[in-house]
Amino acid sequence: MADSHDIPGYEVPFHNSLAEPMTFGGVPRSFALINFIMAAELTLGLGVWWLGIPVGAALHMVAYALTKRDPHFFATLNRHLRQKPYWDA
């Protein structure tokens, strides 16, 4: 008898886009938008371009490295921060 994984006609193509989070510039969209708004506020709103642009670029590079290593890093971090501590440790 054939292996259960080799049944003809029961294959479904699975695309990576269904499992990976949506990114903008290699980082999750929510983080990219918050980072862009913060950098734009520092640069345009306060007129501190020498601080807004490098901080925004540095945060984007760090987030890109973290997302490249684990695409679900920020979702996991968000879930961890919202989890209630049940046990005293």
PDB file of N, CA and C in Angstrom:
ATOM      1  N   MET A   1       0.838  -1.170   0.000  1.00  0.00           N
ATOM      2  CA  MET A   1       0.000   0.000   0.000  1.00  0.00           C
ATOM      3  C   MET A   1       0.889   1.241   0.000  1.00  0.00           C
ATOM      4  N   ALA A   2       0.491   2.227  -0.722  1.00  0.00           N
ATOM      5  CA  ALA A   2       1.277   3.463  -0.840  1.00  0.00           C
ATOM      6  C   ALA A   2       1.207   4.257   0.460  1.00  0.00           C
ATOM      7  N   ASP A   3       2.206   5.074   0.632  1.00  0.00           N
ATOM      8  CA  ASP A   3       2.243   5.950   1.810  1.00  0.00           C
ATOM      9  C   ASP A   3       1.059   6.919   1.770  1.00  0.00           C
ATOM     10  N   SER A   4       0.535   7.298   2.932  1.00  0.00           N
ATOM     11  CA  SER A   4      -0.642   8.164   2.981  1.00  0.00           C
ATOM     12  C   SER A   4      -0.369   9.555   2.429  1.00  0.00           C
ATOM     13  N   HIS A   5       0.908   9.935   2.327  1.00  0.00           N
ATOM     14  CA  HIS A   5       1.240  11.253   1.795  1.00  0.00           C
ATOM     15  C   HIS A   5       1.296  11.259   0.267  1.00  0.00           C
ATOM     16  N   ASP A   6       1.215  10.105  -0.364  1.00  0.00           N
ATOM     17  CA  ASP A   6       1.354  10.011  -1.812  1.00  0.00           C
ATOM     18  C   ASP A   6       0.051   9.685  -2.518  1.00  0.00           C
ATOM     19  N   ILE A   7      -1.083  10.051  -1.972  1.00  0.00           N
ATOM     20  CA  ILE A   7      -2.370   9.766  -2.598  1.00  0.00           C
ATOM     21  C   ILE A   7      -2.547  10.724  -3.777  1.00  0.00           C
ATOM     22  N   PRO A   8      -2.741  10.203  -4.992  1.00  0.00           N
ATOM     23  CA  PRO A   8      -2.884  11.097  -6.142  1.00  0.00           C
ATOM     24  C   PRO A   8      -4.198  11.883  -6.083  1.00  0.00           C
ATOM     25  N   GLY A   9      -4.119  13.145  -6.432  1.00  0.00           N
ATOM     26  CA  GLY A   9      -5.297  13.987  -6.452  1.00  0.00           C
ATOM     27  C   GLY A   9      -5.575  14.700  -5.140  1.00  0.00           C
ATOM     28  N   TYR A  10      -4.796  14.423  -4.119  1.00  0.00           N
ATOM     29  CA  TYR A  10      -5.016  15.049  -2.819  1.00  0.00           C
ATOM     30  C   TYR A  10      -3.865  15.988  -2.458  1.00  0.00           C
ATOM     31  N   GLU A  11      -3.312  16.647  -3.446  1.00  0.00           N
ATOM     32  CA  GLU A  11      -2.251  17.620  -3.215  1.00  0.00           C
ATOM     33  C   GLU A  11      -2.810  19.018  -3.402  1.00  0.00           C
ATOM     34  N   VAL A  12      -2.449  19.884  -2.507  1.00  0.00           N
ATOM     35  CA  VAL A  12      -2.873  21.270  -2.586  1.00  0.00           C
ATOM     36  C   VAL A  12      -1.627  22.133  -2.562  1.00  0.00           C
ATOM     37  N   PRO A  13      -1.451  23.012  -3.557  1.00  0.00           N
ATOM     38  CA  PRO A  13      -0.278  23.883  -3.515  1.00  0.00           C
ATOM     39  C   PRO A  13      -0.406  24.892  -2.373  1.00  0.00           C
ATOM     40  N   PHE A  14       0.654  25.038  -1.638  1.00  0.00           N
ATOM     41  CA  PHE A  14       0.673  25.952  -0.494  1.00  0.00           C
ATOM     42  C   PHE A  14       1.717  27.025  -0.767  1.00  0.00           C
ATOM     43  N   HIS A  15       1.293  28.252  -0.788  1.00  0.00           N
ATOM     44  CA  HIS A  15       2.197  29.356  -1.073  1.00  0.00           C
ATOM     45  C   HIS A  15       2.723  29.953   0.227  1.00  0.00           C
ATOM     46  N   ASN A  16       3.982  30.387   0.207  1.00  0.00           N
ATOM     47  CA  ASN A  16       4.594  30.969   1.397  1.00  0.00           C
ATOM     48  C   ASN A  16       3.882  32.237   1.840  1.00  0.00           C
ATOM     49  N   SER A  17       3.257  32.934   0.926  1.00  0.00           N
ATOM     50  CA  SER A  17       2.581  34.178   1.285  1.00  0.00           C
ATOM     51  C   SER A  17       1.417  33.947   2.251  1.00  0.00           C
ATOM     52  N   LEU A  18       0.930  32.736   2.346  1.00  0.00           N
ATOM     53  CA  LEU A  18      -0.139  32.434   3.293  1.00  0.00           C
ATOM     54  C   LEU A  18       0.375  32.268   4.716  1.00  0.00           C
ATOM     55  N   ALA A  19       1.656  31.950   4.875  1.00  0.00           N
ATOM     56  CA  ALA A  19       2.211  31.683   6.200  1.00  0.00           C
ATOM     57  C   ALA A  19       3.069  32.822   6.730  1.00  0.00           C
ATOM     58  N   GLU A  20       3.592  33.662   5.861  1.00  0.00           N
ATOM     59  CA  GLU A  20       4.471  34.740   6.294  1.00  0.00           C
ATOM     60  C   GLU A  20       3.671  36.026   6.488  1.00  0.00           C
ATOM     61  N   PRO A  21       4.050  36.834   7.471  1.00  0.00           N
ATOM     62  CA  PRO A  21       3.330  38.098   7.686  1.00  0.00           C
ATOM     63  C   PRO A  21       3.625  39.097   6.559  1.00  0.00           C
ATOM     64  N   MET A  22       2.697  40.032   6.361  1.00  0.00           N
ATOM     65  CA  MET A  22       2.875  41.051   5.340  1.00  0.00           C
ATOM     66  C   MET A  22       3.919  42.051   5.817  1.00  0.00           C
ATOM     67  N   THR A  23       4.892  42.321   4.966  1.00  0.00           N
ATOM     68  CA  THR A  23       5.975  43.219   5.349  1.00  0.00           C
ATOM     69  C   THR A  23       6.019  44.430   4.431  1.00  0.00           C
ATOM     70  N   PHE A  24       6.621  45.470   4.937  1.00  0.00           N
ATOM     71  CA  PHE A  24       6.829  46.699   4.181  1.00  0.00           C
ATOM     72  C   PHE A  24       8.293  47.075   4.368  1.00  0.00           C
ATOM     73  N   GLY A  25       9.095  46.886   3.329  1.00  0.00           N
ATOM     74  CA  GLY A  25      10.528  47.138   3.455  1.00  0.00           C
ATOM     75  C   GLY A  25      11.223  46.086   4.289  1.00  0.00           C
ATOM     76  N   GLY A  26      10.661  44.890   4.379  1.00  0.00           N
ATOM     77  CA  GLY A  26      11.269  43.814   5.129  1.00  0.00           C
ATOM     78  C   GLY A  26      10.874  43.749   6.590  1.00  0.00           C
ATOM     79  N   VAL A  27      10.062  44.682   7.060  1.00  0.00           N
ATOM     80  CA  VAL A  27       9.599  44.667   8.455  1.00  0.00           C
ATOM     81  C   VAL A  27       8.069  44.627   8.443  1.00  0.00           C
ATOM     82  N   PRO A  28       7.464  44.184   9.541  1.00  0.00           N
ATOM     83  CA  PRO A  28       5.993  44.159   9.581  1.00  0.00           C
ATOM     84  C   PRO A  28       5.397  45.545   9.326  1.00  0.00           C
ATOM     85  N   ARG A  29       4.252  45.561   8.671  1.00  0.00           N
ATOM     86  CA  ARG A  29       3.651  46.834   8.269  1.00  0.00           C
ATOM     87  C   ARG A  29       3.363  47.751   9.442  1.00  0.00           C
ATOM     88  N   SER A  30       2.873  47.205  10.540  1.00  0.00           N
ATOM     89  CA  SER A  30       2.544  48.064  11.683  1.00  0.00           C
ATOM     90  C   SER A  30       3.792  48.738  12.231  1.00  0.00           C
ATOM     91  N   PHE A  31       4.888  47.997  12.356  1.00  0.00           N
ATOM     92  CA  PHE A  31       6.130  48.591  12.853  1.00  0.00           C
ATOM     93  C   PHE A  31       6.674  49.612  11.856  1.00  0.00           C
ATOM     94  N   ALA A  32       6.590  49.315  10.565  1.00  0.00           N
ATOM     95  CA  ALA A  32       7.102  50.237   9.556  1.00  0.00           C
ATOM     96  C   ALA A  32       6.330  51.557   9.584  1.00  0.00           C
ATOM     97  N   LEU A  33       5.012  51.489   9.736  1.00  0.00           N
ATOM     98  CA  LEU A  33       4.218  52.713   9.779  1.00  0.00           C
ATOM     99  C   LEU A  33       4.509  53.533  11.032  1.00  0.00           C
ATOM    100  N   ILE A  34       4.621  52.865  12.175  1.00  0.00           N
ATOM    101  CA  ILE A  34       4.937  53.585  13.414  1.00  0.00           C
ATOM    102  C   ILE A  34       6.318  54.209  13.321  1.00  0.00           C
ATOM    103  N   ASN A  35       7.278  53.485  12.777  1.00  0.00           N
ATOM    104  CA  ASN A  35       8.642  53.993  12.627  1.00  0.00           C
ATOM    105  C   ASN A  35       8.675  55.188  11.667  1.00  0.00           C
ATOM    106  N   PHE A  36       7.949  55.092  10.557  1.00  0.00           N
ATOM    107  CA  PHE A  36       7.920  56.190   9.595  1.00  0.00           C
ATOM    108  C   PHE A  36       7.266  57.433  10.202  1.00  0.00           C
ATOM    109  N   ILE A  37       6.169  57.251  10.917  1.00  0.00           N
ATOM    110  CA  ILE A  37       5.484  58.398  11.524  1.00  0.00           C
ATOM    111  C   ILE A  37       6.369  59.051  12.575  1.00  0.00           C
ATOM    112  N   MET A  38       7.070  58.243  13.374  1.00  0.00           N
ATOM    113  CA  MET A  38       7.964  58.803  14.383  1.00  0.00           C
ATOM    114  C   MET A  38       9.118  59.574  13.740  1.00  0.00           C
ATOM    115  N   ALA A  39       9.714  58.995  12.700  1.00  0.00           N
ATOM    116  CA  ALA A  39      10.821  59.673  12.026  1.00  0.00           C
ATOM    117  C   ALA A  39      10.336  60.943  11.323  1.00  0.00           C
ATOM    118  N   ALA A  40       9.147  60.890  10.730  1.00  0.00           N
ATOM    119  CA  ALA A  40       8.605  62.078  10.065  1.00  0.00           C
ATOM    120  C   ALA A  40       8.270  63.165  11.081  1.00  0.00           C
ATOM    121  N   GLU A  41       7.766  62.766  12.235  1.00  0.00           N
ATOM    122  CA  GLU A  41       7.446  63.747  13.279  1.00  0.00           C
ATOM    123  C   GLU A  41       8.716  64.438  13.780  1.00  0.00           C
ATOM    124  N   LEU A  42       9.755  63.660  14.016  1.00  0.00           N
ATOM    125  CA  LEU A  42      11.016  64.266  14.453  1.00  0.00           C
ATOM    126  C   LEU A  42      11.622  65.150  13.370  1.00  0.00           C
ATOM    127  N   THR A  43      11.573  64.680  12.127  1.00  0.00           N
ATOM    128  CA  THR A  43      12.219  65.397  11.037  1.00  0.00           C
ATOM    129  C   THR A  43      11.416  66.619  10.608  1.00  0.00           C
ATOM    130  N   LEU A  44      10.152  66.443  10.307  1.00  0.00           N
ATOM    131  CA  LEU A  44       9.353  67.539   9.760  1.00  0.00           C
ATOM    132  C   LEU A  44       8.680  68.369  10.839  1.00  0.00           C
ATOM    133  N   GLY A  45       8.139  67.704  11.848  1.00  0.00           N
ATOM    134  CA  GLY A  45       7.392  68.425  12.876  1.00  0.00           C
ATOM    135  C   GLY A  45       8.276  69.227  13.808  1.00  0.00           C
ATOM    136  N   LEU A  46       9.315  68.606  14.296  1.00  0.00           N
ATOM    137  CA  LEU A  46      10.190  69.291  15.242  1.00  0.00           C
ATOM    138  C   LEU A  46      11.408  69.922  14.573  1.00  0.00           C
ATOM    139  N   GLY A  47      11.662  69.562  13.334  1.00  0.00           N
ATOM    140  CA  GLY A  47      12.792  70.134  12.606  1.00  0.00           C
ATOM    141  C   GLY A  47      14.136  69.593  13.055  1.00  0.00           C
ATOM    142  N   VAL A  48      14.133  68.416  13.639  1.00  0.00           N
ATOM    143  CA  VAL A  48      15.372  67.801  14.114  1.00  0.00           C
ATOM    144  C   VAL A  48      15.749  66.696  13.130  1.00  0.00           C
ATOM    145  N   TRP A  49      16.114  67.078  11.906  1.00  0.00           N
ATOM    146  CA  TRP A  49      16.402  66.100  10.867  1.00  0.00           C
ATOM    147  C   TRP A  49      17.638  65.278  11.187  1.00  0.00           C
ATOM    148  N   TRP A  50      18.588  65.847  11.893  1.00  0.00           N
ATOM    149  CA  TRP A  50      19.828  65.132  12.207  1.00  0.00           C
ATOM    150  C   TRP A  50      19.595  64.019  13.220  1.00  0.00           C
ATOM    151  N   LEU A  51      18.428  64.013  13.871  1.00  0.00           N
ATOM    152  CA  LEU A  51      18.077  62.941  14.800  1.00  0.00           C
ATOM    153  C   LEU A  51      17.010  62.018  14.209  1.00  0.00           C
ATOM    154  N   GLY A  52      16.037  62.579  13.512  1.00  0.00           N
ATOM    155  CA  GLY A  52      14.906  61.783  13.013  1.00  0.00           C
ATOM    156  C   GLY A  52      15.296  60.767  11.959  1.00  0.00           C
ATOM    157  N   ILE A  53      16.108  61.176  10.997  1.00  0.00           N
ATOM    158  CA  ILE A  53      16.470  60.275   9.905  1.00  0.00           C
ATOM    159  C   ILE A  53      17.378  59.135  10.381  1.00  0.00           C
ATOM    160  N   PRO A  54      18.461  59.414  11.130  1.00  0.00           N
ATOM    161  CA  PRO A  54      19.299  58.287  11.587  1.00  0.00           C
ATOM    162  C   PRO A  54      18.591  57.342  12.559  1.00  0.00           C
ATOM    163  N   VAL A  55      17.768  57.868  13.446  1.00  0.00           N
ATOM    164  CA  VAL A  55      17.055  56.997  14.389  1.00  0.00           C
ATOM    165  C   VAL A  55      16.051  56.127  13.636  1.00  0.00           C
ATOM    166  N   GLY A  56      15.335  56.715  12.698  1.00  0.00           N
ATOM    167  CA  GLY A  56      14.389  55.935  11.906  1.00  0.00           C
ATOM    168  C   GLY A  56      15.082  54.859  11.085  1.00  0.00           C
ATOM    169  N   ALA A  57      16.217  55.199  10.469  1.00  0.00           N
ATOM    170  CA  ALA A  57      16.959  54.217   9.675  1.00  0.00           C
ATOM    171  C   ALA A  57      17.536  53.115  10.564  1.00  0.00           C
ATOM    172  N   ALA A  58      18.057  53.479  11.732  1.00  0.00           N
ATOM    173  CA  ALA A  58      18.636  52.480  12.632  1.00  0.00           C
ATOM    174  C   ALA A  58      17.560  51.518  13.154  1.00  0.00           C
ATOM    175  N   LEU A  59      16.414  52.064  13.540  1.00  0.00           N
ATOM    176  CA  LEU A  59      15.326  51.189  14.009  1.00  0.00           C
ATOM    177  C   LEU A  59      14.837  50.262  12.902  1.00  0.00           C
ATOM    178  N   HIS A  60      14.806  50.779  11.676  1.00  0.00           N
ATOM    179  CA  HIS A  60      14.371  49.951  10.553  1.00  0.00           C
ATOM    180  C   HIS A  60      15.377  48.827  10.302  1.00  0.00           C
ATOM    181  N   MET A  61      16.664  49.115  10.392  1.00  0.00           N
ATOM    182  CA  MET A  61      17.676  48.081  10.175  1.00  0.00           C
ATOM    183  C   MET A  61      17.625  47.008  11.260  1.00  0.00           C
ATOM    184  N   VAL A  62      17.425  47.421  12.508  1.00  0.00           N
ATOM    185  CA  VAL A  62      17.317  46.446  13.599  1.00  0.00           C
ATOM    186  C   VAL A  62      16.072  45.583  13.409  1.00  0.00           C
ATOM    187  N   ALA A  63      14.960  46.209  13.068  1.00  0.00           N
ATOM    188  CA  ALA A  63      13.721  45.452  12.853  1.00  0.00           C
ATOM    189  C   ALA A  63      13.851  44.523  11.651  1.00  0.00           C
ATOM    190  N   TYR A  64      14.565  44.963  10.620  1.00  0.00           N
ATOM    191  CA  TYR A  64      14.779  44.112   9.439  1.00  0.00           C
ATOM    192  C   TYR A  64      15.591  42.879   9.804  1.00  0.00           C
ATOM    193  N   ALA A  65      16.642  43.063  10.613  1.00  0.00           N
ATOM    194  CA  ALA A  65      17.470  41.924  11.026  1.00  0.00           C
ATOM    195  C   ALA A  65      16.657  40.946  11.876  1.00  0.00           C
ATOM    196  N   LEU A  66      15.838  41.467  12.786  1.00  0.00           N
ATOM    197  CA  LEU A  66      15.014  40.593  13.622  1.00  0.00           C
ATOM    198  C   LEU A  66      13.962  39.853  12.801  1.00  0.00           C
ATOM    199  N   THR A  67      13.360  40.544  11.831  1.00  0.00           N
ATOM    200  CA  THR A  67      12.328  39.931  10.999  1.00  0.00           C
ATOM    201  C   THR A  67      12.939  38.915  10.039  1.00  0.00           C
ATOM    202  N   LYS A  68      14.152  39.176   9.576  1.00  0.00           N
ATOM    203  CA  LYS A  68      14.793  38.228   8.669  1.00  0.00           C
ATOM    204  C   LYS A  68      15.130  36.931   9.398  1.00  0.00           C
ATOM    205  N   ARG A  69      15.503  37.043  10.668  1.00  0.00           N
ATOM    206  CA  ARG A  69      15.815  35.846  11.448  1.00  0.00           C
ATOM    207  C   ARG A  69      14.545  35.077  11.804  1.00  0.00           C
ATOM    208  N   ASP A  70      13.491  35.782  12.187  1.00  0.00           N
ATOM    209  CA  ASP A  70      12.219  35.150  12.548  1.00  0.00           C
ATOM    210  C   ASP A  70      11.085  36.044  12.054  1.00  0.00           C
ATOM    211  N   PRO A  71      10.355  35.644  11.000  1.00  0.00           N
ATOM    212  CA  PRO A  71       9.299  36.495  10.459  1.00  0.00           C
ATOM    213  C   PRO A  71       8.178  36.807  11.449  1.00  0.00           C
ATOM    214  N   HIS A  72       8.004  35.991  12.467  1.00  0.00           N
ATOM    215  CA  HIS A  72       6.935  36.194  13.441  1.00  0.00           C
ATOM    216  C   HIS A  72       7.453  36.783  14.748  1.00  0.00           C
ATOM    217  N   PHE A  73       8.608  37.442  14.721  1.00  0.00           N
ATOM    218  CA  PHE A  73       9.208  37.965  15.946  1.00  0.00           C
ATOM    219  C   PHE A  73       8.308  38.991  16.620  1.00  0.00           C
ATOM    220  N   PHE A  74       7.807  39.970  15.867  1.00  0.00           N
ATOM    221  CA  PHE A  74       7.013  41.037  16.478  1.00  0.00           C
ATOM    222  C   PHE A  74       5.644  40.544  16.933  1.00  0.00           C
ATOM    223  N   ALA A  75       5.060  39.580  16.228  1.00  0.00           N
ATOM    224  CA  ALA A  75       3.789  39.002  16.678  1.00  0.00           C
ATOM    225  C   ALA A  75       3.998  38.229  17.982  1.00  0.00           C
ATOM    226  N   THR A  76       5.113  37.506  18.069  1.00  0.00           N
ATOM    227  CA  THR A  76       5.416  36.771  19.297  1.00  0.00           C
ATOM    228  C   THR A  76       5.715  37.719  20.443  1.00  0.00           C
ATOM    229  N   LEU A  77       6.462  38.781  20.178  1.00  0.00           N
ATOM    230  CA  LEU A  77       6.770  39.761  21.212  1.00  0.00           C
ATOM    231  C   LEU A  77       5.499  40.441  21.710  1.00  0.00           C
ATOM    232  N   ASN A  78       4.619  40.789  20.808  1.00  0.00           N
ATOM    233  CA  ASN A  78       3.355  41.418  21.181  1.00  0.00           C
ATOM    234  C   ASN A  78       2.516  40.484  22.053  1.00  0.00           C
ATOM    235  N   ARG A  79       2.451  39.225  21.679  1.00  0.00           N
ATOM    236  CA  ARG A  79       1.690  38.255  22.469  1.00  0.00           C
ATOM    237  C   ARG A  79       2.326  38.054  23.846  1.00  0.00           C
ATOM    238  N   HIS A  80       3.651  38.029  23.901  1.00  0.00           N
ATOM    239  CA  HIS A  80       4.338  37.856  25.179  1.00  0.00           C
ATOM    240  C   HIS A  80       4.103  39.047  26.103  1.00  0.00           C
ATOM    241  N   LEU A  81       4.126  40.253  25.564  1.00  0.00           N
ATOM    242  CA  LEU A  81       3.934  41.438  26.390  1.00  0.00           C
ATOM    243  C   LEU A  81       2.506  41.569  26.899  1.00  0.00           C
ATOM    244  N   ARG A  82       1.539  41.037  26.161  1.00  0.00           N
ATOM    245  CA  ARG A  82       0.139  41.124  26.572  1.00  0.00           C
ATOM    246  C   ARG A  82      -0.302  39.967  27.472  1.00  0.00           C
ATOM    247  N   GLN A  83       0.526  38.924  27.588  1.00  0.00           N
ATOM    248  CA  GLN A  83       0.154  37.772  28.401  1.00  0.00           C
ATOM    249  C   GLN A  83       0.220  38.135  29.877  1.00  0.00           C
ATOM    250  N   LYS A  84      -0.817  37.760  30.602  1.00  0.00           N
ATOM    251  CA  LYS A  84      -0.882  38.066  32.025  1.00  0.00           C
ATOM    252  C   LYS A  84      -0.009  37.090  32.806  1.00  0.00           C
ATOM    253  N   PRO A  85       0.711  37.591  33.791  1.00  0.00           N
ATOM    254  CA  PRO A  85       1.513  36.668  34.615  1.00  0.00           C
ATOM    255  C   PRO A  85       0.617  35.933  35.614  1.00  0.00           C
ATOM    256  N   TYR A  86       0.565  34.635  35.495  1.00  0.00           N
ATOM    257  CA  TYR A  86      -0.285  33.849  36.371  1.00  0.00           C
ATOM    258  C   TYR A  86       0.459  33.321  37.591  1.00  0.00           C
ATOM    259  N   TRP A  87       1.754  33.109  37.445  1.00  0.00           N
ATOM    260  CA  TRP A  87       2.535  32.537  38.529  1.00  0.00           C
ATOM    261  C   TRP A  87       3.576  33.535  38.991  1.00  0.00           C
ATOM    262  N   ASP A  88       3.793  33.589  40.287  1.00  0.00           N
ATOM    263  CA  ASP A  88       4.845  34.437  40.815  1.00  0.00           C
ATOM    264  C   ASP A  88       6.183  33.728  40.620  1.00  0.00           C
ATOM    265  N   ALA A  89       7.096  34.414  40.008  1.00  0.00           N
ATOM    266  CA  ALA A  89       8.403  33.804  39.774  1.00  0.00           C
ATOM    267  C   ALA A  89       9.495  34.728  40.257  1.00  0.00           C
TER     268      ALA A  89
END
